Protein backbone atom coordinates (compact mmCIF):
# COMPACT_ATOMS: atom_id res chain seq x y z
CA UNK A 1 -87.93 -6.10 64.55
CA UNK A 2 -86.69 -2.95 62.81
CA UNK A 3 -86.15 -2.03 59.17
CA UNK A 4 -84.35 0.88 57.51
CA UNK A 5 -83.66 2.03 53.99
CA UNK A 6 -79.92 2.58 53.62
CA UNK A 7 -79.46 5.60 51.32
CA UNK A 8 -75.66 5.42 51.49
CA UNK A 9 -75.61 2.03 49.76
CA UNK A 10 -75.48 1.58 45.99
CA UNK A 11 -76.26 -1.42 43.80
CA UNK A 12 -74.23 -2.69 40.85
CA UNK A 13 -75.72 -5.43 38.67
CA UNK A 14 -73.31 -7.88 37.00
CA UNK A 15 -74.76 -10.29 34.47
CA UNK A 16 -73.82 -12.35 31.43
CA UNK A 17 -72.56 -15.83 30.64
CA UNK A 18 -69.12 -15.12 32.16
CA UNK A 19 -70.33 -13.15 35.21
CA UNK A 20 -69.52 -15.81 37.81
CA UNK A 21 -66.06 -16.54 36.40
CA UNK A 22 -65.40 -12.81 36.09
CA UNK A 23 -66.15 -12.18 39.79
CA UNK A 24 -64.30 -15.31 40.89
CA UNK A 25 -61.07 -14.00 39.40
CA UNK A 26 -61.36 -10.63 41.13
CA UNK A 27 -63.00 -11.05 44.55
CA UNK A 28 -61.58 -12.20 47.87
CA UNK A 29 -64.49 -14.64 48.41
CA UNK A 30 -65.44 -17.83 46.58
CA UNK A 31 -68.07 -16.93 44.00
CA UNK A 32 -67.80 -20.27 42.21
CA UNK A 33 -69.74 -22.09 44.94
CA UNK A 34 -72.11 -19.21 45.69
CA UNK A 35 -75.89 -19.68 45.40
CA UNK A 36 -78.93 -17.48 45.94
CA UNK A 37 -79.07 -18.87 49.50
CA UNK A 38 -75.41 -18.17 50.28
CA UNK A 39 -74.54 -14.48 49.74
CA UNK A 40 -70.94 -13.39 50.04
CA UNK A 41 -68.95 -10.65 51.74
CA UNK A 42 -65.98 -9.74 49.55
CA UNK A 43 -63.61 -7.05 48.36
CA UNK A 44 -61.71 -5.92 45.29
CA UNK A 45 -58.07 -5.28 46.17
CA UNK A 46 -55.10 -3.49 44.70
CA UNK A 47 -52.16 -5.67 43.60
CA UNK A 48 -50.57 -4.62 46.92
CA UNK A 49 -53.47 -6.23 48.79
CA UNK A 50 -55.28 -3.08 49.95
CA UNK A 51 -59.05 -2.63 49.77
CA UNK A 52 -60.37 -0.76 46.74
CA UNK A 53 -63.97 -1.54 47.71
CA UNK A 54 -65.71 -3.96 50.04
CA UNK A 55 -69.24 -5.16 49.33
CA UNK A 56 -71.92 -7.79 49.77
CA UNK A 57 -72.82 -9.95 46.76
CA UNK A 58 -76.29 -11.44 46.27
CA UNK A 59 -77.15 -13.93 43.54
CA UNK A 60 -80.42 -13.43 41.70
CA UNK A 61 -81.56 -16.42 39.64
CA UNK A 62 -83.54 -15.62 36.48
CA UNK A 63 -84.72 -17.52 33.42
CA UNK A 64 -81.62 -16.22 31.61
CA UNK A 65 -79.28 -17.48 34.31
CA UNK A 66 -77.85 -15.95 37.47
CA UNK A 67 -77.00 -12.30 37.83
CA UNK A 68 -75.15 -10.77 40.76
CA UNK A 69 -76.10 -7.74 42.81
CA UNK A 70 -73.20 -5.92 44.44
CA UNK A 71 -74.22 -3.92 47.53
CA UNK A 72 -71.49 -1.30 48.09
CA UNK A 73 -70.95 2.22 49.40
CA UNK A 74 -73.00 4.50 47.15
CA UNK A 75 -70.09 6.87 46.52
CA UNK A 76 -68.07 3.91 45.18
CA UNK A 77 -70.70 2.57 42.78
CA UNK A 78 -69.77 4.71 39.77
CA UNK A 79 -65.99 4.36 40.14
CA UNK A 80 -66.38 0.63 40.80
CA UNK A 81 -68.41 0.13 37.62
CA UNK A 82 -65.63 1.88 35.69
CA UNK A 83 -62.89 -0.15 37.37
CA UNK A 84 -64.66 -3.45 36.80
CA UNK A 85 -65.06 -2.46 33.17
CA UNK A 86 -61.25 -2.38 32.85
CA UNK A 87 -61.13 -6.08 33.80
CA UNK A 88 -63.83 -7.22 31.36
CA UNK A 89 -61.62 -7.58 28.29
CA UNK A 90 -63.60 -9.92 26.00
CA UNK A 91 -65.65 -11.59 28.72
CA UNK A 92 -69.41 -11.88 28.18
CA UNK A 93 -70.22 -9.62 31.13
CA UNK A 94 -72.41 -6.57 31.62
CA UNK A 95 -71.65 -4.26 34.55
CA UNK A 96 -74.18 -1.52 35.31
CA UNK A 97 -74.98 0.92 38.09
CA UNK A 98 -78.54 0.07 39.20
CA UNK A 99 -78.68 2.67 41.95
CA UNK A 100 -81.36 4.78 40.26
CA UNK A 101 -83.94 1.97 40.47
CA UNK A 102 -82.67 -0.25 43.30
CA UNK A 103 -82.09 0.43 46.99
CA UNK A 104 -80.95 -1.56 50.02
CA UNK A 105 -83.40 -2.32 52.82
CA UNK A 106 -82.00 -3.69 56.09
CA UNK A 107 -84.04 -5.76 58.56
CA UNK A 108 -82.81 -6.70 62.03
CA UNK A 109 -83.94 -7.77 65.47
CA UNK A 110 -82.76 -6.19 68.72
CA UNK A 111 -82.20 -9.75 69.96
CA UNK A 112 -78.85 -10.82 68.38
CA UNK A 113 -79.81 -14.50 68.67
CA UNK A 114 -82.96 -14.03 66.59
CA UNK A 115 -83.26 -16.18 63.47
CA UNK A 116 -85.69 -16.27 60.57
CA UNK A 117 -85.94 -18.01 57.23
CA UNK A 118 -84.20 -16.06 54.46
CA UNK A 119 -86.02 -16.03 51.15
CA UNK A 120 -86.86 -13.70 48.24
CA UNK A 121 -86.34 -10.84 48.43
CA UNK A 122 -84.42 -11.26 51.71
CA UNK A 123 -80.79 -12.34 52.00
CA UNK A 124 -79.08 -13.13 55.31
CA UNK A 125 -76.15 -10.78 55.91
CA UNK A 126 -73.09 -13.01 55.27
CA UNK A 127 -70.83 -11.12 57.69
CA UNK A 128 -72.63 -11.88 60.95
CA UNK A 129 -76.02 -13.38 61.70
CA UNK A 130 -76.84 -10.68 64.27
CA UNK A 131 -76.66 -8.02 61.54
CA UNK A 132 -79.93 -9.38 60.17
CA UNK A 133 -81.13 -9.47 56.57
CA UNK A 134 -81.06 -7.27 53.49
CA UNK A 135 -83.24 -6.87 50.43
CA UNK A 136 -82.59 -5.08 47.14
CA UNK A 137 -85.83 -3.26 46.42
CA UNK A 138 -87.33 -0.30 44.62
CA UNK A 139 -87.28 2.67 47.02
CA UNK A 140 -91.08 3.01 46.83
CA UNK A 141 -91.65 -0.55 48.06
CA UNK A 142 -89.38 -0.40 51.14
CA UNK A 143 -91.96 0.70 53.71
CA UNK A 144 -94.45 -1.92 52.49
CA UNK A 145 -91.90 -4.73 52.72
CA UNK A 146 -90.96 -3.66 56.24
CA UNK A 147 -94.62 -3.69 57.23
CA UNK A 148 -95.05 -7.20 55.81
CA UNK A 149 -92.33 -8.39 58.18
CA UNK A 150 -94.01 -6.71 61.14
CA UNK A 151 -91.01 -4.39 61.44
CA UNK A 152 -90.86 -0.81 62.67
CA UNK A 153 -89.59 1.41 59.86
CA UNK A 154 -86.78 3.58 61.29
CA UNK A 155 -84.05 5.94 60.13
CA UNK A 156 -80.76 4.60 58.74
CA UNK A 157 -78.86 5.95 61.77
CA UNK A 158 -80.56 3.25 63.88
CA UNK A 159 -79.02 0.58 61.66
CA UNK A 160 -75.63 2.27 61.91
CA UNK A 161 -75.86 2.16 65.71
CA UNK A 162 -76.74 -1.54 65.49
CA UNK A 163 -73.70 -2.18 63.26
CA UNK A 164 -71.37 -0.23 65.55
CA UNK A 165 -72.64 -2.05 68.65
CA UNK A 166 -71.76 -5.36 66.96
CA UNK A 167 -68.27 -4.07 66.07
CA UNK A 168 -68.66 -4.33 62.28
CA UNK A 169 -66.38 -1.91 60.35
CA UNK A 170 -67.70 0.23 57.51
CA UNK A 171 -65.43 1.24 54.67
CA UNK A 172 -64.81 4.95 54.27
CA UNK A 173 -65.83 5.54 57.89
CA UNK A 174 -63.79 3.12 60.00
CA UNK A 175 -60.97 2.52 57.54
CA UNK A 176 -59.79 4.31 54.41
CA UNK A 177 -60.22 2.73 50.99
CA UNK A 178 -56.90 2.24 49.26
CA UNK A 179 -55.05 2.27 52.58
CA UNK A 180 -56.30 -0.75 54.58
CA UNK A 181 -55.69 -4.47 54.26
CA UNK A 182 -58.61 -6.95 54.59
CA UNK A 183 -57.27 -8.19 57.94
CA UNK A 184 -57.25 -4.65 59.34
CA UNK A 185 -60.92 -4.26 58.35
CA UNK A 186 -61.86 -7.58 59.98
CA UNK A 187 -62.66 -9.29 56.69
CA UNK A 188 -60.71 -12.39 57.70
CA UNK A 189 -62.95 -12.66 60.77
CA UNK A 190 -66.25 -11.94 59.03
CA UNK A 191 -66.10 -14.35 56.09
CA UNK A 192 -64.80 -11.79 53.61
CA UNK A 193 -61.69 -13.73 52.55
CA UNK A 194 -61.56 -17.30 51.28
CA UNK A 195 -58.03 -18.57 51.90
CA UNK A 196 -58.49 -21.75 49.85
CA UNK A 197 -59.86 -20.33 46.57
CA UNK A 198 -57.83 -19.70 43.44
CA UNK A 199 -56.03 -16.54 42.41
CA UNK A 200 -57.47 -13.05 42.66
CA UNK A 201 -55.95 -9.57 42.61
CA UNK A 202 -53.86 -9.03 45.77
CA UNK A 203 -54.09 -12.64 46.94
CA UNK A 204 -50.37 -13.16 47.58
CA UNK A 205 -50.16 -10.27 50.05
CA UNK A 206 -53.31 -11.32 51.91
CA UNK A 207 -52.16 -14.94 52.16
CA UNK A 208 -48.75 -13.87 53.40
CA UNK A 209 -50.30 -11.76 56.16
CA UNK A 210 -52.47 -14.70 57.24
CA UNK A 211 -49.58 -17.17 57.33
CA UNK A 212 -47.24 -14.81 59.18
CA UNK A 213 -49.96 -13.68 61.60
CA UNK A 214 -48.36 -10.24 61.67
CA UNK A 215 -51.48 -8.04 61.66
CA UNK A 216 -50.63 -5.20 64.02
CA UNK A 217 -53.59 -2.89 63.33
CA UNK A 218 -57.28 -3.74 63.37
CA UNK A 219 -60.60 -1.93 63.53
CA UNK A 220 -62.04 -2.86 66.93
CA UNK A 221 -65.07 -1.80 69.01
CA UNK A 222 -64.57 0.67 71.84
CA UNK A 223 -66.75 1.91 74.67
CA UNK A 224 -66.78 5.71 74.89
CA UNK A 225 -66.86 7.89 77.97
CA UNK A 226 -67.34 11.55 77.11
CA UNK A 227 -68.17 13.38 73.88
CA UNK A 228 -67.84 11.09 70.87
CA UNK A 229 -64.84 12.20 68.78
CA UNK A 230 -65.12 12.93 65.07
CA UNK A 231 -63.98 10.20 62.65
CA UNK A 232 -60.28 10.60 61.98
CA UNK A 233 -59.46 11.88 65.47
CA UNK A 234 -56.15 10.48 66.70
CA UNK A 235 -56.30 7.95 69.55
CA UNK A 236 -53.44 8.34 72.00
CA UNK A 237 -52.04 6.67 75.10
CA UNK A 238 -49.86 9.10 77.01
CA UNK A 239 -47.77 10.85 74.38
CA UNK A 240 -47.95 8.01 71.86
CA UNK A 241 -50.49 7.77 69.02
CA UNK A 242 -52.02 4.30 68.92
CA UNK A 243 -54.72 4.66 66.27
CA UNK A 244 -57.55 6.60 64.66
CA UNK A 245 -61.18 6.97 65.63
CA UNK A 246 -63.90 5.82 63.26
CA UNK A 247 -67.70 5.95 63.54
CA UNK A 248 -69.58 6.22 66.85
CA UNK A 249 -73.15 6.03 68.17
CA UNK A 250 -74.85 5.64 71.53
CA UNK A 251 -71.72 5.37 73.63
CA UNK A 252 -69.97 2.85 71.38
CA UNK A 253 -67.54 3.32 68.53
CA UNK A 254 -65.01 1.73 66.25
CA UNK A 255 -61.32 2.64 66.07
CA UNK A 256 -58.41 1.46 63.95
CA UNK A 257 -55.84 0.64 66.62
CA UNK A 258 -52.29 -0.67 66.78
CA UNK A 259 -53.02 -3.61 69.07
CA UNK A 260 -49.41 -4.00 70.21
CA UNK A 261 -49.34 -0.36 71.33
CA UNK A 262 -52.70 -0.77 73.06
CA UNK A 263 -51.32 -3.79 74.91
CA UNK A 264 -48.31 -1.72 76.02
CA UNK A 265 -50.64 1.07 77.20
CA UNK A 266 -52.77 -1.39 79.18
CA UNK A 267 -49.66 -2.87 80.80
CA UNK A 268 -48.52 0.64 81.77
CA UNK A 269 -51.95 1.63 83.05
CA UNK A 270 -52.34 4.39 80.47
CA UNK A 271 -55.89 5.24 79.31
CA UNK A 272 -56.75 5.63 75.64
CA UNK A 273 -57.91 9.12 74.70
CA UNK A 274 -59.50 10.57 71.55
CA UNK A 275 -60.47 14.23 71.72
CA UNK A 276 -62.43 14.66 74.94
CA UNK A 277 -63.43 11.01 75.17
CA UNK A 278 -61.80 8.11 76.96
CA UNK A 279 -61.87 4.80 75.08
CA UNK A 280 -61.94 1.21 76.33
CA UNK A 281 -61.52 -1.57 73.72
CA UNK A 282 -64.31 -4.17 73.87
CA UNK A 283 -63.62 -7.58 72.34
CA UNK A 284 -66.47 -8.58 69.99
CA UNK A 285 -67.95 -12.06 70.35
CA UNK A 286 -66.91 -12.98 66.79
CA UNK A 287 -63.20 -12.11 67.16
CA UNK A 288 -60.67 -14.96 67.15
CA UNK A 289 -57.49 -12.86 66.90
CA UNK A 290 -55.22 -12.20 69.89
CA UNK A 291 -56.70 -9.47 72.09
CA UNK A 292 -54.54 -6.95 73.97
CA UNK A 293 -53.93 -8.09 77.52
CA UNK A 294 -55.36 -11.58 77.12
CA UNK A 295 -52.04 -13.45 77.31
CA UNK A 296 -50.93 -11.47 80.36
CA UNK A 297 -54.27 -12.02 82.05
CA UNK A 298 -53.90 -15.77 81.57
CA UNK A 299 -50.46 -15.89 83.18
């Protein structure tokens, strides 16, 4: 078991009598049925359906009613508080940046099949069980909580390598905020979009993409041979650009790829190249979308 404090994550606290209804009308996931035992992966979108911010939501039950902790990229916390404030209108909601007193602690097992009972202060990561568990803690208590779980306290880069190995995209690193749709970031595969809930900002575009099944680009895992390219490096097949490299660690990486172009490259026997590295797409166990080459292999 390993544990790491994630300094690049921020915490926003949303509370008040209308907090649940407020989030339900904005987020891609169903907050109405959420409980402290069922955290959510969600996003706030533009009206055009692109991701403004993606985040995990944890429910904290208090004597005054539930409040919601939003675990997001730290650089987005301030702007997200401001943006959420625009949607408040007259709702009985308080939105505050709690990043000065709260931090995110991740806990995971090297065995992806490992399970444990989630309970205060631990929440199971709603994206994928193998990612492990998270707790919102004071920074000073992190090492003690890790020790209580019998976990080795390690650097945050170890958690990032774990995430990359599982093929889980990270906003701002593997896709650009304001420029990617939820499907491209894998949110439809990882429980980040509820297709049966009521209206939210950007819903029509997301629903249309799901019904038409016309998602051409996705962030997918890749095996790397050679020096890992910097994020943003173009991925090419022959003379054609097929995508962009994202984060990488320990011989694995993530890349936003045009899957139709990758399929064409595979059919033509062309390798994928990014900088000095050669890439080989690796289908993650959780993926249900069509994978390049699968249909041809079945014929």
